[in-house]
Amino acid sequence: MIYYPVEVRFQDLDAFGHVNNAIFLTYCEQARVRYYDSLFPLKSALDFPFLLVHADLDYKRPVTILDEIEVGIGVGRMGGASWDFEYEVRNRKDEFVHCTARTIQAYWDHTKQSTGPIHPDLRTALEKSKGN
């Protein structure tokens, strides 16, 4: 997995002083954008050739405003037209994992406005980084 620091903002907190559960998807999104940008430098929002089609999260321990967190992202399952990203939201101080997550992305062809097989360049980059 490759880890990216994420700042816990006051607006991320719920009434109990914990990061709201929905915000964890935003943290995963931040890691996903940075990860993809490291493979194919972004110039516009249309540079993302995929759609998020599923997400699941498992919460282990709340995150508070005092926690210093980072989000790890790695490539999981690879299919013909979709693949998984796997995530860990962990504390940078003690590496305790607060949340694990998985998203499924479907390849999206902006020109055809449809899903399709993963482009060979993208498949190669994802497979090359798998296991990091």
N, C-alpha and C. Protein backbone atom coordinates (compact mmCIF):
# COMPACT_ATOMS: atom_id res chain seq x y z
N MET A 1 0.84 -1.19 0.00
CA MET A 1 0.00 0.00 0.00
C MET A 1 0.87 1.25 0.00
N ILE A 2 0.36 2.26 -0.63
CA ILE A 2 1.00 3.57 -0.62
C ILE A 2 0.16 4.45 0.30
N TYR A 3 0.82 5.16 1.22
CA TYR A 3 0.10 5.97 2.21
C TYR A 3 0.22 7.46 1.92
N TYR A 4 -0.91 8.14 2.11
CA TYR A 4 -0.98 9.59 1.93
C TYR A 4 -1.55 10.21 3.19
N PRO A 5 -0.92 11.27 3.73
CA PRO A 5 -1.47 11.93 4.91
C PRO A 5 -2.78 12.64 4.58
N VAL A 6 -3.69 12.64 5.54
CA VAL A 6 -4.97 13.33 5.40
C VAL A 6 -5.19 14.14 6.67
N GLU A 7 -5.57 15.39 6.50
CA GLU A 7 -5.83 16.26 7.65
C GLU A 7 -7.26 16.06 8.14
N VAL A 8 -7.42 15.84 9.44
CA VAL A 8 -8.74 15.78 10.05
C VAL A 8 -9.19 17.21 10.29
N ARG A 9 -10.28 17.60 9.65
CA ARG A 9 -10.79 18.97 9.78
C ARG A 9 -11.94 19.00 10.78
N PHE A 10 -12.14 20.13 11.41
CA PHE A 10 -13.22 20.28 12.38
C PHE A 10 -14.56 19.94 11.74
N GLN A 11 -14.76 20.32 10.49
CA GLN A 11 -16.04 20.05 9.82
C GLN A 11 -16.27 18.56 9.56
N ASP A 12 -15.22 17.72 9.71
CA ASP A 12 -15.36 16.28 9.53
C ASP A 12 -16.04 15.61 10.72
N LEU A 13 -16.12 16.32 11.84
CA LEU A 13 -16.60 15.72 13.08
C LEU A 13 -18.12 15.69 13.17
N ASP A 14 -18.62 14.67 13.86
CA ASP A 14 -20.05 14.58 14.13
C ASP A 14 -20.34 15.12 15.53
N ALA A 15 -21.56 14.96 15.99
CA ALA A 15 -21.97 15.49 17.30
C ALA A 15 -21.24 14.84 18.46
N PHE A 16 -20.63 13.68 18.24
CA PHE A 16 -19.89 12.97 19.30
C PHE A 16 -18.41 13.31 19.30
N GLY A 17 -17.98 14.19 18.38
CA GLY A 17 -16.58 14.57 18.32
C GLY A 17 -15.72 13.59 17.54
N HIS A 18 -16.36 12.68 16.81
CA HIS A 18 -15.64 11.70 15.99
C HIS A 18 -15.81 12.08 14.52
N VAL A 19 -14.88 11.64 13.69
CA VAL A 19 -15.05 11.84 12.26
C VAL A 19 -16.30 11.06 11.83
N ASN A 20 -17.19 11.75 11.12
CA ASN A 20 -18.43 11.13 10.64
C ASN A 20 -18.10 9.99 9.70
N ASN A 21 -18.89 8.92 9.79
CA ASN A 21 -18.60 7.72 8.99
C ASN A 21 -18.54 8.01 7.49
N ALA A 22 -19.36 8.90 6.97
CA ALA A 22 -19.36 9.20 5.53
C ALA A 22 -18.07 9.88 5.09
N ILE A 23 -17.40 10.56 6.00
CA ILE A 23 -16.17 11.29 5.66
C ILE A 23 -15.05 10.32 5.29
N PHE A 24 -15.11 9.10 5.82
CA PHE A 24 -14.08 8.13 5.49
C PHE A 24 -14.03 7.86 3.98
N LEU A 25 -15.18 7.92 3.31
CA LEU A 25 -15.18 7.77 1.85
C LEU A 25 -14.47 8.94 1.17
N THR A 26 -14.60 10.13 1.75
CA THR A 26 -13.87 11.29 1.22
C THR A 26 -12.37 11.10 1.40
N TYR A 27 -11.96 10.58 2.55
CA TYR A 27 -10.54 10.31 2.77
C TYR A 27 -10.03 9.30 1.74
N CYS A 28 -10.82 8.26 1.47
CA CYS A 28 -10.42 7.27 0.45
C CYS A 28 -10.34 7.92 -0.92
N GLU A 29 -11.28 8.81 -1.20
CA GLU A 29 -11.27 9.51 -2.47
C GLU A 29 -10.00 10.35 -2.62
N GLN A 30 -9.59 11.02 -1.56
CA GLN A 30 -8.37 11.83 -1.61
C GLN A 30 -7.17 10.95 -1.94
N ALA A 31 -7.09 9.78 -1.32
CA ALA A 31 -5.99 8.86 -1.60
C ALA A 31 -6.08 8.34 -3.03
N ARG A 32 -7.28 8.04 -3.49
CA ARG A 32 -7.49 7.54 -4.86
C ARG A 32 -7.04 8.56 -5.90
N VAL A 33 -7.38 9.82 -5.69
CA VAL A 33 -6.98 10.88 -6.62
C VAL A 33 -5.46 11.02 -6.63
N ARG A 34 -4.85 11.03 -5.47
CA ARG A 34 -3.39 11.19 -5.41
C ARG A 34 -2.68 9.98 -6.02
N TYR A 35 -3.23 8.80 -5.76
CA TYR A 35 -2.64 7.58 -6.32
C TYR A 35 -2.73 7.60 -7.85
N TYR A 36 -3.91 7.89 -8.39
CA TYR A 36 -4.08 7.91 -9.85
C TYR A 36 -3.19 8.99 -10.47
N ASP A 37 -3.12 10.15 -9.83
CA ASP A 37 -2.26 11.23 -10.32
C ASP A 37 -0.80 10.80 -10.36
N SER A 38 -0.38 9.92 -9.46
CA SER A 38 1.01 9.44 -9.47
C SER A 38 1.26 8.52 -10.67
N LEU A 39 0.21 7.87 -11.16
CA LEU A 39 0.35 6.99 -12.33
C LEU A 39 0.23 7.76 -13.64
N PHE A 40 -0.77 8.63 -13.70
CA PHE A 40 -1.08 9.41 -14.90
C PHE A 40 -1.38 10.84 -14.46
N PRO A 41 -0.42 11.75 -14.53
CA PRO A 41 -0.62 13.11 -14.04
C PRO A 41 -1.90 13.75 -14.60
N LEU A 42 -2.68 14.28 -13.68
CA LEU A 42 -3.99 14.83 -14.02
C LEU A 42 -3.91 16.23 -14.61
N LYS A 43 -4.77 16.48 -15.59
CA LYS A 43 -4.91 17.81 -16.17
C LYS A 43 -6.34 18.31 -16.03
N SER A 44 -7.31 17.37 -15.91
CA SER A 44 -8.72 17.73 -15.74
C SER A 44 -9.46 16.57 -15.10
N ALA A 45 -10.70 16.84 -14.70
CA ALA A 45 -11.54 15.80 -14.10
C ALA A 45 -11.83 14.67 -15.09
N LEU A 46 -11.78 14.96 -16.36
CA LEU A 46 -12.04 13.94 -17.37
C LEU A 46 -10.86 12.98 -17.56
N ASP A 47 -9.78 13.22 -16.84
CA ASP A 47 -8.63 12.31 -16.92
C ASP A 47 -8.87 11.02 -16.15
N PHE A 48 -9.91 10.95 -15.34
CA PHE A 48 -10.24 9.73 -14.60
C PHE A 48 -11.06 8.81 -15.50
N PRO A 49 -10.48 7.70 -15.95
CA PRO A 49 -11.22 6.81 -16.83
C PRO A 49 -11.97 5.70 -16.08
N PHE A 50 -12.59 6.07 -14.98
CA PHE A 50 -13.33 5.06 -14.22
C PHE A 50 -14.45 5.71 -13.42
N LEU A 51 -15.40 4.87 -13.06
CA LEU A 51 -16.52 5.25 -12.19
C LEU A 51 -16.46 4.39 -10.94
N LEU A 52 -16.76 4.98 -9.82
CA LEU A 52 -16.88 4.22 -8.59
C LEU A 52 -18.25 3.55 -8.60
N VAL A 53 -18.29 2.21 -8.50
CA VAL A 53 -19.57 1.51 -8.58
C VAL A 53 -19.97 0.80 -7.29
N HIS A 54 -19.03 0.70 -6.34
CA HIS A 54 -19.36 0.05 -5.07
C HIS A 54 -18.32 0.48 -4.02
N ALA A 55 -18.77 0.56 -2.78
CA ALA A 55 -17.86 0.85 -1.66
C ALA A 55 -18.34 0.10 -0.43
N ASP A 56 -17.40 -0.44 0.31
CA ASP A 56 -17.74 -0.98 1.63
C ASP A 56 -16.62 -0.63 2.60
N LEU A 57 -17.02 -0.36 3.84
CA LEU A 57 -16.09 0.09 4.87
C LEU A 57 -16.33 -0.69 6.16
N ASP A 58 -15.26 -0.95 6.88
CA ASP A 58 -15.32 -1.57 8.20
C ASP A 58 -14.62 -0.65 9.18
N TYR A 59 -15.38 -0.18 10.16
CA TYR A 59 -14.86 0.77 11.14
C TYR A 59 -14.33 0.01 12.36
N LYS A 60 -13.13 0.39 12.81
CA LYS A 60 -12.48 -0.29 13.94
C LYS A 60 -12.46 0.58 15.20
N ARG A 61 -12.16 1.87 15.03
CA ARG A 61 -12.06 2.80 16.17
C ARG A 61 -12.29 4.20 15.64
N PRO A 62 -13.00 5.04 16.39
CA PRO A 62 -13.26 6.41 15.93
C PRO A 62 -11.98 7.21 15.73
N VAL A 63 -12.04 8.17 14.84
CA VAL A 63 -10.98 9.14 14.62
C VAL A 63 -11.45 10.46 15.21
N THR A 64 -10.56 11.14 15.94
CA THR A 64 -10.89 12.43 16.54
C THR A 64 -10.03 13.52 15.90
N ILE A 65 -10.30 14.74 16.27
CA ILE A 65 -9.57 15.89 15.74
C ILE A 65 -8.08 15.83 16.11
N LEU A 66 -7.74 15.12 17.17
CA LEU A 66 -6.35 15.03 17.62
C LEU A 66 -5.55 13.95 16.91
N ASP A 67 -6.23 13.06 16.17
CA ASP A 67 -5.53 11.99 15.48
C ASP A 67 -4.85 12.50 14.21
N GLU A 68 -3.66 11.99 13.98
CA GLU A 68 -2.93 12.26 12.75
C GLU A 68 -3.07 11.00 11.91
N ILE A 69 -3.81 11.11 10.80
CA ILE A 69 -4.09 9.91 10.03
C ILE A 69 -3.48 9.96 8.63
N GLU A 70 -3.39 8.78 8.06
CA GLU A 70 -2.98 8.61 6.68
C GLU A 70 -3.83 7.51 6.08
N VAL A 71 -3.99 7.57 4.77
CA VAL A 71 -4.81 6.58 4.08
C VAL A 71 -3.92 5.81 3.13
N GLY A 72 -3.92 4.51 3.31
CA GLY A 72 -3.18 3.63 2.41
C GLY A 72 -4.10 3.15 1.31
N ILE A 73 -3.58 3.02 0.11
CA ILE A 73 -4.34 2.52 -1.03
C ILE A 73 -3.50 1.52 -1.80
N GLY A 74 -4.15 0.45 -2.21
CA GLY A 74 -3.49 -0.56 -3.02
C GLY A 74 -4.48 -1.20 -3.97
N VAL A 75 -3.97 -1.83 -4.99
CA VAL A 75 -4.81 -2.50 -5.97
C VAL A 75 -5.10 -3.91 -5.48
N GLY A 76 -6.37 -4.29 -5.55
CA GLY A 76 -6.78 -5.64 -5.18
C GLY A 76 -7.13 -6.43 -6.42
N ARG A 77 -8.34 -6.95 -6.46
CA ARG A 77 -8.82 -7.77 -7.57
C ARG A 77 -8.80 -6.99 -8.87
N MET A 78 -8.39 -7.67 -9.93
CA MET A 78 -8.43 -7.09 -11.27
C MET A 78 -9.34 -7.96 -12.13
N GLY A 79 -10.35 -7.35 -12.73
CA GLY A 79 -11.23 -8.06 -13.64
C GLY A 79 -11.02 -7.55 -15.05
N GLY A 80 -11.94 -7.91 -15.94
CA GLY A 80 -11.84 -7.48 -17.32
C GLY A 80 -12.20 -6.01 -17.51
N ALA A 81 -13.21 -5.55 -16.77
CA ALA A 81 -13.69 -4.18 -16.92
C ALA A 81 -13.73 -3.41 -15.60
N SER A 82 -13.33 -4.06 -14.51
CA SER A 82 -13.36 -3.41 -13.20
C SER A 82 -12.22 -3.92 -12.34
N TRP A 83 -11.95 -3.18 -11.28
CA TRP A 83 -10.91 -3.56 -10.33
C TRP A 83 -11.24 -2.99 -8.97
N ASP A 84 -10.57 -3.53 -7.96
CA ASP A 84 -10.76 -3.08 -6.59
C ASP A 84 -9.56 -2.24 -6.14
N PHE A 85 -9.86 -1.22 -5.36
CA PHE A 85 -8.86 -0.54 -4.56
C PHE A 85 -9.14 -0.93 -3.12
N GLU A 86 -8.10 -1.21 -2.36
CA GLU A 86 -8.22 -1.52 -0.94
C GLU A 86 -7.54 -0.40 -0.16
N TYR A 87 -8.13 -0.05 0.99
CA TYR A 87 -7.67 1.10 1.76
C TYR A 87 -7.50 0.75 3.23
N GLU A 88 -6.61 1.48 3.89
CA GLU A 88 -6.48 1.50 5.35
C GLU A 88 -6.42 2.95 5.79
N VAL A 89 -7.26 3.31 6.72
CA VAL A 89 -7.16 4.62 7.36
C VAL A 89 -6.49 4.34 8.70
N ARG A 90 -5.27 4.81 8.85
CA ARG A 90 -4.53 4.47 10.07
C ARG A 90 -3.94 5.71 10.72
N ASN A 91 -3.65 5.57 12.01
CA ASN A 91 -3.04 6.62 12.80
C ASN A 91 -1.54 6.65 12.49
N ARG A 92 -1.03 7.81 12.15
CA ARG A 92 0.39 7.93 11.81
C ARG A 92 1.29 7.73 13.03
N LYS A 93 0.76 7.99 14.23
CA LYS A 93 1.60 7.88 15.44
C LYS A 93 1.86 6.43 15.83
N ASP A 94 0.78 5.60 15.86
CA ASP A 94 0.94 4.22 16.32
C ASP A 94 0.55 3.18 15.27
N GLU A 95 0.20 3.62 14.06
CA GLU A 95 -0.20 2.77 12.95
C GLU A 95 -1.45 1.93 13.23
N PHE A 96 -2.24 2.33 14.24
CA PHE A 96 -3.50 1.64 14.50
C PHE A 96 -4.44 1.88 13.32
N VAL A 97 -5.06 0.82 12.83
CA VAL A 97 -5.98 0.94 11.69
C VAL A 97 -7.38 1.28 12.22
N HIS A 98 -7.85 2.47 11.88
CA HIS A 98 -9.18 2.92 12.29
C HIS A 98 -10.28 2.38 11.39
N CYS A 99 -9.96 2.16 10.12
CA CYS A 99 -10.97 1.74 9.15
C CYS A 99 -10.28 1.05 7.98
N THR A 100 -10.92 0.00 7.48
CA THR A 100 -10.51 -0.59 6.21
C THR A 100 -11.65 -0.40 5.23
N ALA A 101 -11.31 -0.32 3.96
CA ALA A 101 -12.35 -0.09 2.95
C ALA A 101 -11.94 -0.74 1.64
N ARG A 102 -12.94 -0.89 0.79
CA ARG A 102 -12.72 -1.41 -0.56
C ARG A 102 -13.69 -0.70 -1.48
N THR A 103 -13.18 -0.27 -2.63
CA THR A 103 -14.06 0.29 -3.65
C THR A 103 -13.86 -0.50 -4.94
N ILE A 104 -14.92 -0.58 -5.72
CA ILE A 104 -14.85 -1.20 -7.03
C ILE A 104 -15.02 -0.09 -8.06
N GLN A 105 -14.10 -0.06 -9.01
CA GLN A 105 -14.13 0.90 -10.09
C GLN A 105 -14.43 0.16 -11.39
N ALA A 106 -15.27 0.74 -12.23
CA ALA A 106 -15.51 0.23 -13.57
C ALA A 106 -14.83 1.17 -14.55
N TYR A 107 -14.17 0.59 -15.54
CA TYR A 107 -13.53 1.42 -16.56
C TYR A 107 -14.61 2.19 -17.32
N TRP A 108 -14.34 3.47 -17.58
CA TRP A 108 -15.30 4.33 -18.26
C TRP A 108 -14.61 5.01 -19.44
N ASP A 109 -15.20 4.84 -20.62
CA ASP A 109 -14.70 5.47 -21.83
C ASP A 109 -15.48 6.77 -22.02
N HIS A 110 -14.81 7.91 -21.83
CA HIS A 110 -15.49 9.21 -21.94
C HIS A 110 -15.98 9.49 -23.36
N THR A 111 -15.25 9.00 -24.34
CA THR A 111 -15.64 9.23 -25.73
C THR A 111 -16.92 8.47 -26.08
N LYS A 112 -16.96 7.20 -25.70
CA LYS A 112 -18.13 6.35 -26.01
C LYS A 112 -19.26 6.52 -24.99
N GLN A 113 -18.93 7.17 -23.86
CA GLN A 113 -19.89 7.32 -22.76
C GLN A 113 -20.44 5.97 -22.31
N SER A 114 -19.51 5.03 -22.12
CA SER A 114 -19.92 3.69 -21.68
C SER A 114 -18.75 2.99 -20.97
N THR A 115 -19.10 1.95 -20.27
CA THR A 115 -18.08 1.12 -19.65
C THR A 115 -17.49 0.21 -20.72
N GLY A 116 -16.38 -0.40 -20.39
CA GLY A 116 -15.74 -1.31 -21.33
C GLY A 116 -14.53 -1.95 -20.68
N PRO A 117 -13.78 -2.72 -21.43
CA PRO A 117 -12.58 -3.35 -20.88
C PRO A 117 -11.57 -2.30 -20.42
N ILE A 118 -10.84 -2.62 -19.38
CA ILE A 118 -9.82 -1.71 -18.86
C ILE A 118 -8.79 -1.46 -19.96
N HIS A 119 -8.48 -0.18 -20.21
CA HIS A 119 -7.50 0.19 -21.22
C HIS A 119 -6.17 -0.48 -20.88
N PRO A 120 -5.46 -1.02 -21.88
CA PRO A 120 -4.20 -1.74 -21.62
C PRO A 120 -3.17 -0.92 -20.84
N ASP A 121 -3.04 0.39 -21.11
CA ASP A 121 -2.07 1.21 -20.37
C ASP A 121 -2.42 1.30 -18.89
N LEU A 122 -3.73 1.44 -18.61
CA LEU A 122 -4.18 1.50 -17.23
C LEU A 122 -3.98 0.15 -16.55
N ARG A 123 -4.34 -0.93 -17.23
CA ARG A 123 -4.17 -2.27 -16.67
C ARG A 123 -2.71 -2.52 -16.31
N THR A 124 -1.81 -2.16 -17.22
CA THR A 124 -0.37 -2.36 -16.97
C THR A 124 0.07 -1.58 -15.73
N ALA A 125 -0.35 -0.32 -15.62
CA ALA A 125 0.05 0.51 -14.47
C ALA A 125 -0.52 -0.05 -13.17
N LEU A 126 -1.78 -0.48 -13.19
CA LEU A 126 -2.39 -1.03 -11.98
C LEU A 126 -1.72 -2.34 -11.58
N GLU A 127 -1.48 -3.20 -12.54
CA GLU A 127 -0.84 -4.49 -12.23
C GLU A 127 0.59 -4.30 -11.74
N LYS A 128 1.29 -3.31 -12.30
CA LYS A 128 2.66 -3.03 -11.88
C LYS A 128 2.71 -2.55 -10.43
N SER A 129 1.71 -1.79 -10.02
CA SER A 129 1.71 -1.26 -8.65
C SER A 129 1.05 -2.21 -7.66
N LYS A 130 0.43 -3.28 -8.15
CA LYS A 130 -0.23 -4.24 -7.26
C LYS A 130 0.79 -4.87 -6.33
N GLY A 131 0.42 -4.98 -5.08
CA GLY A 131 1.32 -5.56 -4.10
C GLY A 131 2.21 -4.56 -3.39
N ASN A 132 2.19 -3.29 -3.81
CA ASN A 132 2.98 -2.25 -3.12
C ASN A 132 2.32 -1.87 -1.83
